[in-house]
Amino acid sequence: MQIVQLSQDSSRSVADLYAALADHDRLGGVLGVPVKRIKAGKSAPNGVGSVRRIGMGPLAIEETVVGAVTDKSIDYKITKGGWPLKNHHGRLVFKALPGGGSQVQWRIEFDGAVPGAAALVKQLLGLAIGRGLRKLA
């Protein structure tokens, strides 16, 4: 199993940071790749049951939000595409920092179907998400 774990402090409020990372249509600006909500959630557009497409063409993946607590956490998994990854689960946890600002902790776990590929994907995800979070902070 591969684990990508990032933490980023921000001068933004928890609500603002959560809104920026929960909104599928804004997430592309953070990650630097096209992201589009293709299905609204059950009780909120970007909430549980919502689906976002990340990337373009045959390499695009779809992620489904499987858990969300406003200003607290978001859980998602790849539900279409993503080969050579399997058993993918992502979780973002938000908290207020003493003295103001906020922090997001982003953890992704997955297995690889091809030896070596999962380690490469781990490195690429860490770089891309880390860069996006620093830009957002």
C-alpha atoms as a PDB file:
ATOM      1  CA  MET A   1       0.000   0.000   0.000  1.00  0.00           C
ATOM      2  CA  GLN A   2       1.195   3.503  -0.861  1.00  0.00           C
ATOM      3  CA  ILE A   3       0.384   6.507   1.322  1.00  0.00           C
ATOM      4  CA  VAL A   4       0.595  10.165   0.370  1.00  0.00           C
ATOM      5  CA  GLN A   5       0.287  12.394   3.417  1.00  0.00           C
ATOM      6  CA  LEU A   6       0.446  16.185   3.245  1.00  0.00           C
ATOM      7  CA  SER A   7      -0.310  18.945   5.709  1.00  0.00           C
ATOM      8  CA  GLN A   8      -0.636  22.631   4.867  1.00  0.00           C
ATOM      9  CA  ASP A   9      -1.214  25.595   7.165  1.00  0.00           C
ATOM     10  CA  SER A  10      -3.134  28.513   5.700  1.00  0.00           C
ATOM     11  CA  SER A  11      -4.023  32.070   6.631  1.00  0.00           C
ATOM     12  CA  ARG A  12      -7.542  31.322   5.344  1.00  0.00           C
ATOM     13  CA  SER A  13     -10.414  30.420   7.630  1.00  0.00           C
ATOM     14  CA  VAL A  14     -11.450  26.773   7.873  1.00  0.00           C
ATOM     15  CA  ALA A  15     -14.675  27.606   6.010  1.00  0.00           C
ATOM     16  CA  ASP A  16     -12.790  29.293   3.160  1.00  0.00           C
ATOM     17  CA  LEU A  17     -10.198  26.518   2.860  1.00  0.00           C
ATOM     18  CA  TYR A  18     -12.907  23.843   2.951  1.00  0.00           C
ATOM     19  CA  ALA A  19     -14.932  25.680   0.286  1.00  0.00           C
ATOM     20  CA  ALA A  20     -11.929  25.932  -2.022  1.00  0.00           C
ATOM     21  CA  LEU A  21     -11.085  22.225  -1.759  1.00  0.00           C
ATOM     22  CA  ALA A  22     -14.644  20.874  -1.689  1.00  0.00           C
ATOM     23  CA  ASP A  23     -15.807  22.671  -4.838  1.00  0.00           C
ATOM     24  CA  HIS A  24     -15.094  20.297  -7.716  1.00  0.00           C
ATOM     25  CA  ASP A  25     -15.160  23.089 -10.294  1.00  0.00           C
ATOM     26  CA  ARG A  26     -12.551  25.139  -8.355  1.00  0.00           C
ATOM     27  CA  LEU A  27     -10.306  22.182  -7.537  1.00  0.00           C
ATOM     28  CA  GLY A  28      -8.670  22.211 -10.966  1.00  0.00           C
ATOM     29  CA  GLY A  29      -7.066  25.559 -10.161  1.00  0.00           C
ATOM     30  CA  VAL A  30      -5.497  24.017  -7.072  1.00  0.00           C
ATOM     31  CA  LEU A  31      -4.323  20.792  -8.705  1.00  0.00           C
ATOM     32  CA  GLY A  32      -3.304  22.297 -12.041  1.00  0.00           C
ATOM     33  CA  VAL A  33      -5.365  19.804 -14.068  1.00  0.00           C
ATOM     34  CA  PRO A  34      -8.914  19.976 -15.440  1.00  0.00           C
ATOM     35  CA  VAL A  35     -11.523  19.035 -12.815  1.00  0.00           C
ATOM     36  CA  LYS A  36     -15.262  19.158 -13.429  1.00  0.00           C
ATOM     37  CA  ARG A  37     -18.259  18.095 -11.371  1.00  0.00           C
ATOM     38  CA  ILE A  38     -20.236  15.646 -13.510  1.00  0.00           C
ATOM     39  CA  LYS A  39     -22.811  14.633 -10.921  1.00  0.00           C
ATOM     40  CA  ALA A  40     -24.227  16.581  -7.993  1.00  0.00           C
ATOM     41  CA  GLY A  41     -24.374  15.071  -4.539  1.00  0.00           C
ATOM     42  CA  LYS A  42     -27.490  13.952  -2.704  1.00  0.00           C
ATOM     43  CA  SER A  43     -27.874  16.970  -0.421  1.00  0.00           C
ATOM     44  CA  ALA A  44     -25.242  19.398  -1.755  1.00  0.00           C
ATOM     45  CA  PRO A  45     -23.686  19.889  -5.199  1.00  0.00           C
ATOM     46  CA  ASN A  46     -20.204  18.807  -4.014  1.00  0.00           C
ATOM     47  CA  GLY A  47     -21.362  16.576  -1.144  1.00  0.00           C
ATOM     48  CA  VAL A  48     -21.787  12.859  -0.659  1.00  0.00           C
ATOM     49  CA  GLY A  49     -22.560  11.111  -3.933  1.00  0.00           C
ATOM     50  CA  SER A  50     -21.098  13.884  -6.103  1.00  0.00           C
ATOM     51  CA  VAL A  51     -18.703  12.822  -8.839  1.00  0.00           C
ATOM     52  CA  ARG A  52     -15.834  14.798 -10.363  1.00  0.00           C
ATOM     53  CA  ARG A  53     -13.830  14.025 -13.488  1.00  0.00           C
ATOM     54  CA  ILE A  54     -10.109  14.759 -13.222  1.00  0.00           C
ATOM     55  CA  GLY A  55      -7.969  15.004 -16.341  1.00  0.00           C
ATOM     56  CA  MET A  56      -8.923  14.697 -19.979  1.00  0.00           C
ATOM     57  CA  GLY A  57      -9.687  12.028 -22.518  1.00  0.00           C
ATOM     58  CA  PRO A  58      -8.923   8.368 -21.891  1.00  0.00           C
ATOM     59  CA  LEU A  59      -6.600   9.168 -18.961  1.00  0.00           C
ATOM     60  CA  ALA A  60      -9.329  10.942 -16.981  1.00  0.00           C
ATOM     61  CA  ILE A  61     -10.489   9.427 -13.722  1.00  0.00           C
ATOM     62  CA  GLU A  62     -13.695   9.864 -11.788  1.00  0.00           C
ATOM     63  CA  GLU A  63     -13.767  10.333  -8.038  1.00  0.00           C
ATOM     64  CA  THR A  64     -16.900  10.026  -5.905  1.00  0.00           C
ATOM     65  CA  VAL A  65     -17.320  11.795  -2.576  1.00  0.00           C
ATOM     66  CA  VAL A  66     -18.229   9.085  -0.074  1.00  0.00           C
ATOM     67  CA  GLY A  67     -18.199  11.221   3.071  1.00  0.00           C
ATOM     68  CA  ALA A  68     -18.316  14.928   3.838  1.00  0.00           C
ATOM     69  CA  VAL A  69     -18.794  16.965   6.998  1.00  0.00           C
ATOM     70  CA  THR A  70     -18.814  20.690   6.192  1.00  0.00           C
ATOM     71  CA  ASP A  71     -15.657  22.441   7.448  1.00  0.00           C
ATOM     72  CA  LYS A  72     -14.403  19.162   8.974  1.00  0.00           C
ATOM     73  CA  SER A  73     -13.618  16.435   6.415  1.00  0.00           C
ATOM     74  CA  ILE A  74     -14.034  15.065   2.898  1.00  0.00           C
ATOM     75  CA  ASP A  75     -13.612  11.409   1.911  1.00  0.00           C
ATOM     76  CA  TYR A  76     -13.490  10.245  -1.705  1.00  0.00           C
ATOM     77  CA  LYS A  77     -12.492   7.278  -3.824  1.00  0.00           C
ATOM     78  CA  ILE A  78     -11.751   6.604  -7.477  1.00  0.00           C
ATOM     79  CA  THR A  79     -14.837   5.033  -9.014  1.00  0.00           C
ATOM     80  CA  LYS A  80     -13.852   5.026 -12.703  1.00  0.00           C
ATOM     81  CA  GLY A  81     -10.458   4.778 -14.359  1.00  0.00           C
ATOM     82  CA  GLY A  82      -7.309   5.124 -12.344  1.00  0.00           C
ATOM     83  CA  TRP A  83      -5.455   2.077 -13.595  1.00  0.00           C
ATOM     84  CA  PRO A  84      -2.819   1.055 -12.420  1.00  0.00           C
ATOM     85  CA  LEU A  85      -4.216   2.139  -9.025  1.00  0.00           C
ATOM     86  CA  LYS A  86      -6.681   0.142  -7.003  1.00  0.00           C
ATOM     87  CA  ASN A  87      -8.241   0.459  -3.554  1.00  0.00           C
ATOM     88  CA  HIS A  88      -7.832   4.252  -3.707  1.00  0.00           C
ATOM     89  CA  HIS A  89      -9.165   6.331  -0.809  1.00  0.00           C
ATOM     90  CA  GLY A  90      -8.536  10.008  -0.131  1.00  0.00           C
ATOM     91  CA  ARG A  91      -9.340  11.970   3.019  1.00  0.00           C
ATOM     92  CA  LEU A  92      -9.023  15.667   3.781  1.00  0.00           C
ATOM     93  CA  VAL A  93      -9.300  16.857   7.389  1.00  0.00           C
ATOM     94  CA  PHE A  94      -9.660  20.552   8.248  1.00  0.00           C
ATOM     95  CA  LYS A  95      -8.996  22.275  11.550  1.00  0.00           C
ATOM     96  CA  ALA A  96      -8.655  25.793  12.920  1.00  0.00           C
ATOM     97  CA  LEU A  97      -5.242  26.852  14.174  1.00  0.00           C
ATOM     98  CA  PRO A  98      -4.707  28.668  17.470  1.00  0.00           C
ATOM     99  CA  GLY A  99      -4.338  32.370  16.768  1.00  0.00           C
ATOM    100  CA  GLY A 100      -6.166  32.189  13.439  1.00  0.00           C
ATOM    101  CA  GLY A 101      -5.867  30.461  10.135  1.00  0.00           C
ATOM    102  CA  SER A 102      -6.435  26.820   9.386  1.00  0.00           C
ATOM    103  CA  GLN A 103      -4.809  23.570   8.402  1.00  0.00           C
ATOM    104  CA  VAL A 104      -5.710  20.837   5.952  1.00  0.00           C
ATOM    105  CA  GLN A 105      -4.323  17.333   6.203  1.00  0.00           C
ATOM    106  CA  TRP A 106      -4.654  15.357   2.957  1.00  0.00           C
ATOM    107  CA  ARG A 107      -4.069  11.602   3.013  1.00  0.00           C
ATOM    108  CA  ILE A 108      -4.359   9.252   0.060  1.00  0.00           C
ATOM    109  CA  GLU A 109      -3.975   5.477   0.269  1.00  0.00           C
ATOM    110  CA  PHE A 110      -3.861   3.115  -2.698  1.00  0.00           C
ATOM    111  CA  ASP A 111      -2.418  -0.100  -4.028  1.00  0.00           C
ATOM    112  CA  GLY A 112      -0.782  -0.577  -7.399  1.00  0.00           C
ATOM    113  CA  ALA A 113      -1.666  -3.193  -9.984  1.00  0.00           C
ATOM    114  CA  VAL A 114       1.742  -2.828 -11.688  1.00  0.00           C
ATOM    115  CA  PRO A 115       5.028  -3.112  -9.754  1.00  0.00           C
ATOM    116  CA  GLY A 116       6.736   0.269  -9.459  1.00  0.00           C
ATOM    117  CA  ALA A 117       3.817   2.252 -10.881  1.00  0.00           C
ATOM    118  CA  ALA A 118       2.253   2.982  -7.487  1.00  0.00           C
ATOM    119  CA  ALA A 119       5.507   4.453  -6.163  1.00  0.00           C
ATOM    120  CA  LEU A 120       5.738   6.751  -9.186  1.00  0.00           C
ATOM    121  CA  VAL A 121       2.111   7.837  -8.803  1.00  0.00           C
ATOM    122  CA  LYS A 122       2.733   8.472  -5.101  1.00  0.00           C
ATOM    123  CA  GLN A 123       5.596  10.807  -5.934  1.00  0.00           C
ATOM    124  CA  LEU A 124       3.638  12.661  -8.639  1.00  0.00           C
ATOM    125  CA  LEU A 125       0.551  13.082  -6.422  1.00  0.00           C
ATOM    126  CA  GLY A 126       2.657  14.394  -3.563  1.00  0.00           C
ATOM    127  CA  LEU A 127       4.338  16.971  -5.788  1.00  0.00           C
ATOM    128  CA  ALA A 128       1.152  18.152  -7.528  1.00  0.00           C
ATOM    129  CA  ILE A 129      -1.053  18.333  -4.442  1.00  0.00           C
ATOM    130  CA  GLY A 130       1.716  19.865  -2.328  1.00  0.00           C
ATOM    131  CA  ARG A 131       2.306  22.605  -4.904  1.00  0.00           C
ATOM    132  CA  GLY A 132      -1.434  23.297  -5.133  1.00  0.00           C
ATOM    133  CA  LEU A 133      -1.888  23.486  -1.375  1.00  0.00           C
ATOM    134  CA  ARG A 134       1.034  25.903  -1.001  1.00  0.00           C
ATOM    135  CA  LYS A 135      -0.470  28.086  -3.719  1.00  0.00           C
ATOM    136  CA  LEU A 136      -3.872  27.996  -2.005  1.00  0.00           C
ATOM    137  CA  ALA A 137      -2.481  28.827   1.454  1.00  0.00           C
END
